[in-house]
N, C-alpha and C. Protein backbone atom coordinates (compact mmCIF):
# COMPACT_ATOMS: atom_id res chain seq x y z
N MET A 1 -1.42 9.99 -10.06
CA MET A 1 -0.87 11.28 -9.69
C MET A 1 -0.76 11.38 -8.18
N SER A 2 0.04 12.32 -7.71
CA SER A 2 0.17 12.56 -6.28
C SER A 2 -0.09 14.04 -5.99
N THR A 3 -0.94 14.29 -5.02
CA THR A 3 -1.22 15.68 -4.61
C THR A 3 -0.31 16.10 -3.46
N ASN A 4 0.67 15.24 -3.16
CA ASN A 4 1.62 15.53 -2.09
C ASN A 4 0.92 15.80 -0.76
N GLY A 5 -0.10 15.00 -0.50
CA GLY A 5 -0.79 15.08 0.79
C GLY A 5 -1.92 16.08 0.87
N ALA A 6 -2.25 16.75 -0.23
CA ALA A 6 -3.31 17.76 -0.19
C ALA A 6 -4.65 17.15 0.21
N GLY A 7 -4.94 15.97 -0.30
CA GLY A 7 -6.19 15.31 0.03
C GLY A 7 -6.27 14.92 1.49
N THR A 8 -5.17 14.35 1.99
CA THR A 8 -5.13 13.94 3.41
C THR A 8 -5.24 15.15 4.33
N ARG A 9 -4.51 16.20 4.02
CA ARG A 9 -4.57 17.40 4.85
C ARG A 9 -5.96 18.01 4.84
N SER A 10 -6.62 17.98 3.70
CA SER A 10 -7.98 18.52 3.58
C SER A 10 -8.96 17.68 4.39
N PHE A 11 -8.76 16.36 4.37
CA PHE A 11 -9.59 15.44 5.13
C PHE A 11 -9.46 15.72 6.63
N LYS A 12 -8.22 15.84 7.07
CA LYS A 12 -7.97 16.07 8.49
C LYS A 12 -8.49 17.43 8.94
N SER A 13 -8.29 18.43 8.12
CA SER A 13 -8.74 19.78 8.47
C SER A 13 -10.26 19.84 8.57
N ALA A 14 -10.94 19.20 7.62
CA ALA A 14 -12.40 19.19 7.62
C ALA A 14 -12.93 18.48 8.86
N THR A 15 -12.26 17.39 9.23
CA THR A 15 -12.66 16.64 10.41
C THR A 15 -12.49 17.47 11.68
N TRP A 16 -11.37 18.17 11.77
CA TRP A 16 -11.11 19.01 12.95
C TRP A 16 -12.15 20.12 13.08
N HIS A 17 -12.44 20.79 11.98
CA HIS A 17 -13.40 21.90 12.03
C HIS A 17 -14.82 21.42 12.33
N LEU A 18 -15.12 20.20 11.93
CA LEU A 18 -16.46 19.67 12.12
C LEU A 18 -16.68 19.16 13.55
N PHE A 19 -15.66 18.50 14.11
CA PHE A 19 -15.84 17.87 15.42
C PHE A 19 -15.01 18.49 16.54
N ASN A 20 -13.96 19.22 16.16
CA ASN A 20 -13.08 19.84 17.15
C ASN A 20 -12.55 18.80 18.15
N LYS A 21 -12.16 17.65 17.61
CA LYS A 21 -11.63 16.58 18.45
C LYS A 21 -10.33 16.05 17.86
N LYS A 22 -9.42 15.69 18.75
CA LYS A 22 -8.15 15.13 18.32
C LYS A 22 -8.38 13.68 17.90
N ILE A 23 -7.82 13.30 16.76
CA ILE A 23 -8.02 11.95 16.23
C ILE A 23 -6.67 11.27 16.04
N ASP A 24 -6.58 10.02 16.44
CA ASP A 24 -5.37 9.24 16.23
C ASP A 24 -5.39 8.69 14.81
N TRP A 25 -4.78 9.42 13.91
CA TRP A 25 -4.83 9.06 12.50
C TRP A 25 -4.03 7.80 12.18
N SER A 26 -3.20 7.37 13.11
CA SER A 26 -2.44 6.14 12.89
C SER A 26 -3.38 4.93 12.85
N ASN A 27 -4.57 5.10 13.37
CA ASN A 27 -5.57 4.02 13.35
C ASN A 27 -6.51 4.09 12.15
N ILE A 28 -6.27 5.05 11.26
CA ILE A 28 -7.13 5.23 10.09
C ILE A 28 -6.36 4.86 8.82
N SER A 29 -6.82 3.81 8.14
CA SER A 29 -6.21 3.42 6.87
C SER A 29 -6.89 4.21 5.75
N MET A 30 -6.07 4.81 4.85
CA MET A 30 -6.65 5.65 3.80
C MET A 30 -6.31 5.17 2.39
N ALA A 31 -5.17 4.54 2.21
CA ALA A 31 -4.70 4.19 0.87
C ALA A 31 -5.67 3.26 0.13
N GLY A 32 -6.17 3.72 -1.00
CA GLY A 32 -7.02 2.90 -1.86
C GLY A 32 -8.46 2.76 -1.40
N ARG A 33 -8.81 3.39 -0.29
CA ARG A 33 -10.16 3.22 0.24
C ARG A 33 -11.13 4.27 -0.31
N VAL A 34 -12.42 4.08 -0.01
CA VAL A 34 -13.43 5.05 -0.43
C VAL A 34 -13.63 6.07 0.69
N ASP A 35 -13.85 7.32 0.32
CA ASP A 35 -13.99 8.39 1.31
C ASP A 35 -15.07 8.13 2.36
N PRO A 36 -16.25 7.60 1.99
CA PRO A 36 -17.27 7.34 3.01
C PRO A 36 -16.80 6.34 4.07
N GLY A 37 -16.04 5.34 3.66
CA GLY A 37 -15.53 4.35 4.59
C GLY A 37 -14.54 4.95 5.57
N ILE A 38 -13.67 5.81 5.05
CA ILE A 38 -12.70 6.50 5.91
C ILE A 38 -13.43 7.38 6.92
N PHE A 39 -14.41 8.10 6.44
CA PHE A 39 -15.17 9.01 7.31
C PHE A 39 -15.90 8.23 8.41
N LYS A 40 -16.48 7.09 8.05
CA LYS A 40 -17.20 6.30 9.04
C LYS A 40 -16.26 5.70 10.09
N ASP A 41 -15.02 5.40 9.69
CA ASP A 41 -14.03 4.92 10.66
C ASP A 41 -13.68 6.03 11.66
N ILE A 42 -13.63 7.26 11.16
CA ILE A 42 -13.37 8.40 12.04
C ILE A 42 -14.49 8.55 13.06
N LEU A 43 -15.72 8.42 12.58
CA LEU A 43 -16.87 8.54 13.48
C LEU A 43 -16.83 7.47 14.56
N LYS A 44 -16.40 6.26 14.20
CA LYS A 44 -16.30 5.19 15.20
C LYS A 44 -15.29 5.55 16.28
N LEU A 45 -14.17 6.14 15.87
CA LEU A 45 -13.12 6.51 16.81
C LEU A 45 -13.59 7.54 17.83
N ILE A 46 -14.43 8.46 17.37
CA ILE A 46 -14.88 9.52 18.29
C ILE A 46 -16.29 9.24 18.82
N ASP A 47 -16.79 8.05 18.53
CA ASP A 47 -18.10 7.62 19.03
C ASP A 47 -19.21 8.60 18.62
N TYR A 48 -19.28 8.84 17.31
CA TYR A 48 -20.26 9.78 16.76
C TYR A 48 -21.12 9.03 15.74
N GLU A 49 -22.39 9.19 15.83
CA GLU A 49 -23.30 8.45 14.94
C GLU A 49 -23.34 9.07 13.54
N TYR A 50 -23.28 8.20 12.53
CA TYR A 50 -23.32 8.67 11.14
C TYR A 50 -24.73 9.13 10.77
N SER A 51 -24.77 10.19 9.93
CA SER A 51 -26.01 10.63 9.30
C SER A 51 -25.66 11.27 7.97
N ASP A 52 -26.61 11.28 7.06
CA ASP A 52 -26.36 11.92 5.76
C ASP A 52 -26.05 13.40 5.93
N ASP A 53 -26.66 14.01 6.92
CA ASP A 53 -26.45 15.43 7.17
C ASP A 53 -25.00 15.72 7.56
N ILE A 54 -24.45 14.91 8.48
CA ILE A 54 -23.07 15.15 8.92
C ILE A 54 -22.09 14.83 7.79
N TRP A 55 -22.43 13.85 6.96
CA TRP A 55 -21.60 13.52 5.79
C TRP A 55 -21.58 14.67 4.79
N ASP A 56 -22.73 15.28 4.55
CA ASP A 56 -22.81 16.41 3.63
C ASP A 56 -22.01 17.61 4.15
N LYS A 57 -22.07 17.83 5.45
CA LYS A 57 -21.31 18.94 6.05
C LYS A 57 -19.81 18.70 5.91
N PHE A 58 -19.43 17.45 6.15
CA PHE A 58 -18.02 17.10 6.00
C PHE A 58 -17.54 17.32 4.57
N LYS A 59 -18.32 16.85 3.60
CA LYS A 59 -17.92 16.98 2.20
C LYS A 59 -17.74 18.44 1.80
N SER A 60 -18.62 19.31 2.26
CA SER A 60 -18.51 20.73 1.94
C SER A 60 -17.21 21.32 2.48
N LEU A 61 -16.88 20.96 3.73
CA LEU A 61 -15.64 21.44 4.34
C LEU A 61 -14.42 20.87 3.62
N TYR A 62 -14.50 19.59 3.30
CA TYR A 62 -13.38 18.91 2.62
C TYR A 62 -13.09 19.55 1.26
N ILE A 63 -14.13 19.78 0.47
CA ILE A 63 -13.95 20.37 -0.85
C ILE A 63 -13.41 21.80 -0.75
N GLU A 64 -13.93 22.55 0.20
CA GLU A 64 -13.45 23.92 0.42
C GLU A 64 -11.95 23.92 0.76
N ASN A 65 -11.55 22.99 1.62
CA ASN A 65 -10.14 22.88 2.00
C ASN A 65 -9.27 22.41 0.83
N LEU A 66 -9.78 21.42 0.07
CA LEU A 66 -9.02 20.84 -1.03
C LEU A 66 -8.71 21.87 -2.11
N LYS A 67 -9.64 22.74 -2.39
CA LYS A 67 -9.42 23.79 -3.40
C LYS A 67 -8.26 24.69 -3.02
N LYS A 68 -8.11 24.92 -1.72
CA LYS A 68 -7.00 25.76 -1.24
C LYS A 68 -5.70 24.97 -1.17
N GLU A 69 -5.78 23.77 -0.62
CA GLU A 69 -4.59 22.96 -0.40
C GLU A 69 -3.87 22.60 -1.70
N ILE A 70 -4.65 22.26 -2.71
CA ILE A 70 -4.03 21.77 -3.95
C ILE A 70 -3.24 22.87 -4.66
N LYS A 71 -3.65 24.11 -4.45
CA LYS A 71 -2.93 25.23 -5.06
C LYS A 71 -1.57 25.44 -4.42
N ASN A 72 -1.41 24.97 -3.19
CA ASN A 72 -0.16 25.16 -2.46
C ASN A 72 0.66 23.88 -2.36
N SER A 73 0.30 22.87 -3.13
CA SER A 73 0.99 21.59 -3.08
C SER A 73 1.78 21.35 -4.36
N GLU A 74 2.82 20.53 -4.25
CA GLU A 74 3.60 20.15 -5.42
C GLU A 74 2.94 18.91 -6.04
N VAL A 75 1.91 19.16 -6.80
CA VAL A 75 1.17 18.06 -7.42
C VAL A 75 1.97 17.51 -8.61
N THR A 76 2.12 16.21 -8.64
CA THR A 76 2.89 15.59 -9.73
C THR A 76 2.07 14.50 -10.42
N VAL A 77 2.28 14.39 -11.71
CA VAL A 77 1.69 13.30 -12.50
C VAL A 77 2.80 12.30 -12.75
N PHE A 78 2.57 11.05 -12.42
CA PHE A 78 3.63 10.04 -12.51
C PHE A 78 4.10 9.86 -13.96
N ASP A 79 5.36 9.46 -14.08
CA ASP A 79 5.98 9.25 -15.39
C ASP A 79 5.15 8.30 -16.24
N GLY A 80 4.95 8.69 -17.48
CA GLY A 80 4.27 7.82 -18.44
C GLY A 80 2.77 7.94 -18.49
N VAL A 81 2.16 8.67 -17.54
CA VAL A 81 0.70 8.73 -17.49
C VAL A 81 0.12 9.45 -18.71
N TYR A 82 0.62 10.65 -18.98
CA TYR A 82 0.11 11.39 -20.14
C TYR A 82 0.32 10.59 -21.42
N GLU A 83 1.53 10.03 -21.55
CA GLU A 83 1.86 9.28 -22.76
C GLU A 83 0.95 8.05 -22.91
N PHE A 84 0.70 7.37 -21.79
CA PHE A 84 -0.15 6.18 -21.85
C PHE A 84 -1.58 6.55 -22.23
N LEU A 85 -2.11 7.59 -21.63
CA LEU A 85 -3.48 8.00 -21.93
C LEU A 85 -3.63 8.40 -23.40
N LYS A 86 -2.61 9.05 -23.93
CA LYS A 86 -2.66 9.44 -25.34
C LYS A 86 -2.54 8.22 -26.25
N SER A 87 -1.79 7.22 -25.79
CA SER A 87 -1.58 6.03 -26.62
C SER A 87 -2.84 5.17 -26.73
N ILE A 88 -3.78 5.36 -25.80
CA ILE A 88 -5.04 4.59 -25.85
C ILE A 88 -6.22 5.55 -26.04
N GLU A 89 -6.00 6.60 -26.81
CA GLU A 89 -7.03 7.62 -26.97
C GLU A 89 -8.31 7.09 -27.61
N ASN A 90 -8.24 5.98 -28.30
CA ASN A 90 -9.44 5.41 -28.93
C ASN A 90 -10.18 4.42 -28.03
N GLU A 91 -9.65 4.20 -26.82
CA GLU A 91 -10.28 3.29 -25.89
C GLU A 91 -11.10 4.07 -24.85
N ASP A 92 -12.10 3.40 -24.29
CA ASP A 92 -12.88 4.01 -23.21
C ASP A 92 -12.03 4.11 -21.96
N LYS A 93 -11.92 5.30 -21.42
CA LYS A 93 -11.13 5.51 -20.20
C LYS A 93 -12.09 5.93 -19.09
N ILE A 94 -12.28 5.03 -18.15
CA ILE A 94 -13.22 5.24 -17.06
C ILE A 94 -12.45 5.40 -15.76
N LEU A 95 -12.75 6.44 -15.03
CA LEU A 95 -12.09 6.66 -13.75
C LEU A 95 -12.78 5.84 -12.66
N VAL A 96 -12.00 5.10 -11.90
CA VAL A 96 -12.52 4.36 -10.75
C VAL A 96 -11.71 4.81 -9.54
N THR A 97 -12.33 5.52 -8.65
CA THR A 97 -11.60 6.11 -7.53
C THR A 97 -12.41 6.10 -6.25
N GLY A 98 -11.70 6.05 -5.14
CA GLY A 98 -12.35 6.12 -3.84
C GLY A 98 -12.68 7.54 -3.43
N ASN A 99 -12.18 8.50 -4.19
CA ASN A 99 -12.48 9.91 -3.93
C ASN A 99 -13.94 10.21 -4.27
N ILE A 100 -14.55 11.13 -3.53
CA ILE A 100 -15.86 11.60 -3.95
C ILE A 100 -15.69 12.33 -5.28
N LYS A 101 -16.75 12.39 -6.06
CA LYS A 101 -16.66 12.90 -7.43
C LYS A 101 -16.09 14.31 -7.50
N GLU A 102 -16.58 15.20 -6.64
CA GLU A 102 -16.13 16.58 -6.70
C GLU A 102 -14.64 16.70 -6.35
N GLY A 103 -14.20 15.87 -5.40
CA GLY A 103 -12.79 15.87 -5.04
C GLY A 103 -11.92 15.37 -6.17
N ALA A 104 -12.38 14.33 -6.86
CA ALA A 104 -11.63 13.78 -7.99
C ALA A 104 -11.50 14.81 -9.11
N LYS A 105 -12.56 15.56 -9.34
CA LYS A 105 -12.52 16.59 -10.40
C LYS A 105 -11.51 17.67 -10.08
N ILE A 106 -11.43 18.05 -8.81
CA ILE A 106 -10.47 19.08 -8.41
C ILE A 106 -9.04 18.58 -8.62
N LYS A 107 -8.78 17.34 -8.18
CA LYS A 107 -7.42 16.79 -8.29
C LYS A 107 -6.99 16.60 -9.74
N LEU A 108 -7.82 15.95 -10.53
CA LEU A 108 -7.44 15.69 -11.92
C LEU A 108 -7.47 16.95 -12.76
N GLY A 109 -8.42 17.83 -12.47
CA GLY A 109 -8.50 19.07 -13.22
C GLY A 109 -7.29 19.95 -13.04
N PHE A 110 -6.66 19.85 -11.88
CA PHE A 110 -5.49 20.69 -11.58
C PHE A 110 -4.34 20.42 -12.54
N LYS A 111 -4.25 19.19 -13.02
CA LYS A 111 -3.18 18.82 -13.95
C LYS A 111 -3.73 18.46 -15.34
N LYS A 112 -4.94 18.95 -15.62
CA LYS A 112 -5.55 18.77 -16.94
C LYS A 112 -5.66 17.29 -17.36
N LEU A 113 -6.04 16.46 -16.41
CA LEU A 113 -6.27 15.04 -16.70
C LEU A 113 -7.75 14.72 -16.87
N SER A 114 -8.60 15.64 -16.47
CA SER A 114 -10.05 15.38 -16.46
C SER A 114 -10.60 14.98 -17.82
N ASP A 115 -10.15 15.64 -18.86
CA ASP A 115 -10.73 15.45 -20.18
C ASP A 115 -10.45 14.09 -20.79
N TYR A 116 -9.58 13.32 -20.18
CA TYR A 116 -9.26 12.00 -20.72
C TYR A 116 -10.32 10.96 -20.37
N PHE A 117 -11.20 11.28 -19.40
CA PHE A 117 -12.12 10.27 -18.88
C PHE A 117 -13.58 10.56 -19.19
N TYR A 118 -14.36 9.47 -19.27
CA TYR A 118 -15.82 9.59 -19.40
C TYR A 118 -16.40 9.70 -17.98
N TRP A 119 -16.73 10.88 -17.57
CA TRP A 119 -17.16 11.10 -16.19
C TRP A 119 -18.54 10.53 -15.90
N ASP A 120 -19.41 10.48 -16.91
CA ASP A 120 -20.75 9.97 -16.67
C ASP A 120 -20.76 8.46 -16.45
N ARG A 121 -19.70 7.78 -16.88
CA ARG A 121 -19.60 6.34 -16.70
C ARG A 121 -18.54 5.95 -15.66
N SER A 122 -17.93 6.94 -15.06
CA SER A 122 -16.92 6.68 -14.05
C SER A 122 -17.56 6.35 -12.71
N VAL A 123 -16.74 5.89 -11.77
CA VAL A 123 -17.23 5.43 -10.47
C VAL A 123 -16.42 6.11 -9.37
N PHE A 124 -17.12 6.56 -8.33
CA PHE A 124 -16.48 7.37 -7.29
C PHE A 124 -16.79 6.86 -5.89
N GLY A 125 -16.11 7.42 -4.91
CA GLY A 125 -16.35 7.05 -3.54
C GLY A 125 -17.80 7.23 -3.14
N ASP A 126 -18.47 8.21 -3.75
CA ASP A 126 -19.89 8.44 -3.46
C ASP A 126 -20.75 7.21 -3.74
N ASP A 127 -20.26 6.32 -4.62
CA ASP A 127 -21.05 5.17 -5.05
C ASP A 127 -20.93 3.97 -4.10
N ALA A 128 -20.16 4.12 -3.04
CA ALA A 128 -20.00 3.04 -2.08
C ALA A 128 -20.41 3.51 -0.69
N LEU A 129 -20.80 2.56 0.13
CA LEU A 129 -21.16 2.88 1.52
C LEU A 129 -19.95 2.79 2.44
N TYR A 130 -19.09 1.78 2.17
CA TYR A 130 -17.94 1.60 3.06
C TYR A 130 -16.74 0.94 2.37
N TYR A 131 -16.99 -0.10 1.58
CA TYR A 131 -15.90 -0.88 1.00
C TYR A 131 -15.61 -0.52 -0.45
N ARG A 132 -14.33 -0.60 -0.84
CA ARG A 132 -13.92 -0.33 -2.21
C ARG A 132 -14.57 -1.32 -3.20
N ASP A 133 -14.69 -2.58 -2.78
CA ASP A 133 -15.24 -3.61 -3.67
C ASP A 133 -16.69 -3.33 -4.07
N GLU A 134 -17.37 -2.47 -3.31
CA GLU A 134 -18.75 -2.13 -3.65
C GLU A 134 -18.83 -1.42 -5.01
N LEU A 135 -17.71 -0.87 -5.45
CA LEU A 135 -17.69 -0.14 -6.72
C LEU A 135 -17.75 -1.06 -7.93
N ALA A 136 -17.48 -2.34 -7.72
CA ALA A 136 -17.42 -3.29 -8.84
C ALA A 136 -18.74 -3.37 -9.60
N ASP A 137 -19.82 -3.60 -8.88
CA ASP A 137 -21.12 -3.73 -9.53
C ASP A 137 -21.54 -2.43 -10.22
N VAL A 138 -21.22 -1.31 -9.61
CA VAL A 138 -21.56 0.00 -10.20
C VAL A 138 -20.80 0.19 -11.50
N LEU A 139 -19.51 -0.17 -11.48
CA LEU A 139 -18.67 -0.04 -12.68
C LEU A 139 -19.22 -0.87 -13.83
N LEU A 140 -19.57 -2.13 -13.55
CA LEU A 140 -20.07 -3.01 -14.60
C LEU A 140 -21.43 -2.56 -15.12
N LYS A 141 -22.26 -2.06 -14.23
CA LYS A 141 -23.59 -1.59 -14.64
C LYS A 141 -23.49 -0.37 -15.53
N ARG A 142 -22.65 0.57 -15.18
CA ARG A 142 -22.52 1.81 -15.97
C ARG A 142 -21.82 1.59 -17.29
N ASN A 143 -21.08 0.50 -17.39
CA ASN A 143 -20.34 0.25 -18.62
C ASN A 143 -20.79 -1.03 -19.31
N LYS A 144 -22.05 -1.40 -19.06
CA LYS A 144 -22.70 -2.51 -19.77
C LYS A 144 -21.90 -3.81 -19.69
N SER A 145 -21.40 -4.07 -18.48
CA SER A 145 -20.71 -5.33 -18.17
C SER A 145 -19.48 -5.59 -19.04
N LYS A 146 -18.84 -4.55 -19.57
CA LYS A 146 -17.60 -4.73 -20.31
C LYS A 146 -16.50 -5.19 -19.35
N ILE A 147 -15.58 -6.03 -19.83
CA ILE A 147 -14.48 -6.48 -18.98
C ILE A 147 -13.50 -5.32 -18.81
N PRO A 148 -13.30 -4.87 -17.58
CA PRO A 148 -12.43 -3.71 -17.38
C PRO A 148 -10.96 -4.09 -17.15
N VAL A 149 -10.09 -3.14 -17.45
CA VAL A 149 -8.69 -3.22 -17.07
C VAL A 149 -8.51 -2.15 -16.00
N ILE A 150 -8.21 -2.58 -14.79
CA ILE A 150 -8.13 -1.63 -13.68
C ILE A 150 -6.67 -1.42 -13.28
N ILE A 151 -6.26 -0.16 -13.34
CA ILE A 151 -4.88 0.22 -13.02
C ILE A 151 -4.87 0.93 -11.67
N GLY A 152 -4.03 0.47 -10.76
CA GLY A 152 -3.96 1.10 -9.45
C GLY A 152 -2.70 0.71 -8.70
N ASP A 153 -2.49 1.36 -7.56
CA ASP A 153 -1.25 1.11 -6.83
C ASP A 153 -1.45 0.56 -5.41
N THR A 154 -2.64 -0.02 -5.17
CA THR A 154 -2.89 -0.62 -3.85
C THR A 154 -3.50 -2.02 -4.01
N PRO A 155 -3.42 -2.84 -2.98
CA PRO A 155 -4.06 -4.15 -3.01
C PRO A 155 -5.56 -4.05 -3.24
N LEU A 156 -6.18 -2.96 -2.79
CA LEU A 156 -7.62 -2.81 -2.97
C LEU A 156 -7.98 -2.63 -4.44
N ASP A 157 -7.09 -2.05 -5.23
CA ASP A 157 -7.33 -1.92 -6.67
C ASP A 157 -7.28 -3.30 -7.34
N ILE A 158 -6.35 -4.12 -6.89
CA ILE A 158 -6.25 -5.49 -7.42
C ILE A 158 -7.50 -6.28 -7.07
N SER A 159 -7.93 -6.15 -5.82
CA SER A 159 -9.14 -6.84 -5.36
C SER A 159 -10.36 -6.41 -6.17
N LEU A 160 -10.46 -5.12 -6.45
CA LEU A 160 -11.59 -4.61 -7.22
C LEU A 160 -11.59 -5.19 -8.63
N ALA A 161 -10.41 -5.26 -9.24
CA ALA A 161 -10.32 -5.84 -10.58
C ALA A 161 -10.81 -7.28 -10.59
N LYS A 162 -10.39 -8.04 -9.59
CA LYS A 162 -10.81 -9.44 -9.51
C LYS A 162 -12.32 -9.54 -9.28
N LYS A 163 -12.86 -8.62 -8.51
CA LYS A 163 -14.29 -8.61 -8.22
C LYS A 163 -15.10 -8.37 -9.49
N THR A 164 -14.57 -7.59 -10.42
CA THR A 164 -15.28 -7.30 -11.67
C THR A 164 -15.06 -8.38 -12.72
N GLY A 165 -14.10 -9.29 -12.44
CA GLY A 165 -13.75 -10.28 -13.45
C GLY A 165 -12.82 -9.71 -14.50
N GLY A 166 -12.22 -8.56 -14.20
CA GLY A 166 -11.35 -7.89 -15.15
C GLY A 166 -9.88 -8.15 -14.94
N ILE A 167 -9.05 -7.34 -15.56
CA ILE A 167 -7.60 -7.46 -15.50
C ILE A 167 -7.04 -6.41 -14.55
N SER A 168 -6.12 -6.83 -13.70
CA SER A 168 -5.51 -5.89 -12.75
C SER A 168 -4.09 -5.54 -13.18
N VAL A 169 -3.83 -4.24 -13.24
CA VAL A 169 -2.49 -3.73 -13.52
C VAL A 169 -2.02 -2.96 -12.30
N ALA A 170 -1.07 -3.52 -11.57
CA ALA A 170 -0.55 -2.88 -10.36
C ALA A 170 0.68 -2.05 -10.71
N VAL A 171 0.71 -0.82 -10.22
CA VAL A 171 1.86 0.05 -10.44
C VAL A 171 2.45 0.45 -9.09
N THR A 172 3.76 0.57 -9.04
CA THR A 172 4.45 0.84 -7.78
C THR A 172 4.65 2.33 -7.55
N THR A 173 3.59 3.10 -7.76
CA THR A 173 3.69 4.55 -7.61
C THR A 173 3.21 5.02 -6.23
N GLY A 174 2.67 4.10 -5.44
CA GLY A 174 2.15 4.47 -4.13
C GLY A 174 3.04 3.99 -3.01
N ILE A 175 2.42 3.58 -1.91
CA ILE A 175 3.20 3.17 -0.73
C ILE A 175 3.56 1.69 -0.75
N TYR A 176 3.07 0.95 -1.75
CA TYR A 176 3.33 -0.49 -1.80
C TYR A 176 4.42 -0.82 -2.82
N THR A 177 5.32 -1.71 -2.42
CA THR A 177 6.39 -2.14 -3.32
C THR A 177 5.87 -3.24 -4.25
N ALA A 178 6.68 -3.55 -5.24
CA ALA A 178 6.31 -4.62 -6.18
C ALA A 178 6.14 -5.95 -5.44
N GLU A 179 7.02 -6.23 -4.47
CA GLU A 179 6.93 -7.47 -3.71
C GLU A 179 5.64 -7.54 -2.90
N GLU A 180 5.25 -6.42 -2.33
CA GLU A 180 4.02 -6.39 -1.55
C GLU A 180 2.80 -6.58 -2.43
N LEU A 181 2.80 -5.93 -3.60
CA LEU A 181 1.66 -6.04 -4.52
C LEU A 181 1.57 -7.44 -5.14
N LYS A 182 2.73 -8.06 -5.32
CA LYS A 182 2.76 -9.39 -5.94
C LYS A 182 1.98 -10.42 -5.12
N LYS A 183 1.90 -10.22 -3.81
CA LYS A 183 1.19 -11.16 -2.93
C LYS A 183 -0.30 -11.25 -3.28
N TYR A 184 -0.82 -10.22 -3.96
CA TYR A 184 -2.25 -10.18 -4.28
C TYR A 184 -2.54 -10.65 -5.71
N ASN A 185 -1.49 -11.16 -6.37
CA ASN A 185 -1.62 -11.79 -7.69
C ASN A 185 -2.26 -10.92 -8.78
N PRO A 186 -1.73 -9.71 -9.01
CA PRO A 186 -2.24 -8.92 -10.13
C PRO A 186 -1.79 -9.53 -11.46
N ASP A 187 -2.43 -9.17 -12.53
CA ASP A 187 -2.05 -9.69 -13.85
C ASP A 187 -0.74 -9.08 -14.34
N PHE A 188 -0.52 -7.82 -13.98
CA PHE A 188 0.71 -7.13 -14.36
C PHE A 188 1.20 -6.31 -13.16
N ILE A 189 2.52 -6.19 -13.03
CA ILE A 189 3.11 -5.28 -12.05
C ILE A 189 4.14 -4.43 -12.78
N LEU A 190 4.00 -3.10 -12.66
CA LEU A 190 4.87 -2.19 -13.40
C LEU A 190 5.36 -1.05 -12.51
N ASP A 191 6.56 -0.55 -12.82
CA ASP A 191 7.05 0.66 -12.14
C ASP A 191 6.50 1.90 -12.83
N ASN A 192 6.24 1.77 -14.13
CA ASN A 192 5.81 2.90 -14.95
C ASN A 192 4.68 2.41 -15.85
N ILE A 193 3.55 3.07 -15.83
CA ILE A 193 2.39 2.62 -16.59
C ILE A 193 2.65 2.57 -18.08
N PHE A 194 3.57 3.41 -18.56
CA PHE A 194 3.86 3.43 -19.99
C PHE A 194 4.59 2.16 -20.43
N LEU A 195 5.06 1.37 -19.45
CA LEU A 195 5.74 0.11 -19.76
C LEU A 195 4.74 -1.01 -20.05
N LEU A 196 3.46 -0.74 -19.87
CA LEU A 196 2.45 -1.77 -20.11
C LEU A 196 2.43 -2.16 -21.57
N ASN A 197 2.55 -3.45 -21.82
CA ASN A 197 2.54 -3.97 -23.18
C ASN A 197 1.09 -4.06 -23.67
N ILE A 198 0.70 -3.10 -24.48
CA ILE A 198 -0.69 -3.02 -24.93
C ILE A 198 -1.10 -4.25 -25.73
N ASP A 199 -0.21 -4.73 -26.58
CA ASP A 199 -0.53 -5.91 -27.40
C ASP A 199 -0.79 -7.13 -26.52
N LEU A 200 0.04 -7.29 -25.50
CA LEU A 200 -0.14 -8.42 -24.58
C LEU A 200 -1.44 -8.26 -23.80
N LEU A 201 -1.75 -7.04 -23.44
CA LEU A 201 -3.00 -6.77 -22.72
C LEU A 201 -4.20 -7.13 -23.57
N TYR A 202 -4.19 -6.73 -24.84
CA TYR A 202 -5.30 -7.05 -25.75
C TYR A 202 -5.45 -8.56 -25.95
N LYS A 203 -4.33 -9.26 -25.99
CA LYS A 203 -4.38 -10.73 -26.14
C LYS A 203 -5.05 -11.34 -24.92
N ARG A 204 -4.69 -10.85 -23.73
CA ARG A 204 -5.28 -11.36 -22.50
C ARG A 204 -6.78 -11.09 -22.48
N LEU A 205 -7.16 -9.90 -22.95
CA LEU A 205 -8.56 -9.54 -22.99
C LEU A 205 -9.35 -10.43 -23.96
N SER A 206 -8.75 -10.69 -25.11
CA SER A 206 -9.44 -11.49 -26.13
C SER A 206 -9.69 -12.91 -25.64
N VAL A 207 -8.78 -13.43 -24.84
CA VAL A 207 -8.95 -14.76 -24.26
C VAL A 207 -10.11 -14.75 -23.27
N MET A 208 -10.20 -13.68 -22.47
CA MET A 208 -11.24 -13.58 -21.46
C MET A 208 -12.63 -13.41 -22.08
N ILE A 209 -12.67 -12.67 -23.20
CA ILE A 209 -13.94 -12.45 -23.89
C ILE A 209 -14.40 -13.74 -24.59
């Protein structure tokens, strides 16, 4: 899904209110990353030491802003998402996101996507210190080392899938084109998630198991 920049605007606003400093956001990579890593990069830019206290203050401001921003944004769910989730209703659907848990709930809840996922077994930005790949071990531990199928639209999602030993499904719904994603060797590349051949996916999984 896309919040049409609500998350980014909330991040920037929270940072401004917390530090009152101008930040060169062109030096901050956000796509596919975990929120703590993004925040720590901001601290490096302004030469500010990280602490759990400052992180907690930031999160409170961010969530407060996100609740307002998302109501005023044209939030869209990509084509095929609802249909795909319904087509695999008997499968475990685990959310793996770089967003902190509360932020993810706000975003998905806005379009009634929350109920499709097992939140107690999902993995969030809160579970990593800096890198997206740190989520791999947490995901496997919470789901009893099951081989996951990870769907995402960034190279970091593909990397995470490989880190877990699972299957990567790359979708061109973000800022990366199919050609760019292909360089990272995902198992599947799709324009629309509903185009995923479930039978072929199950065959691939059965070979891996």
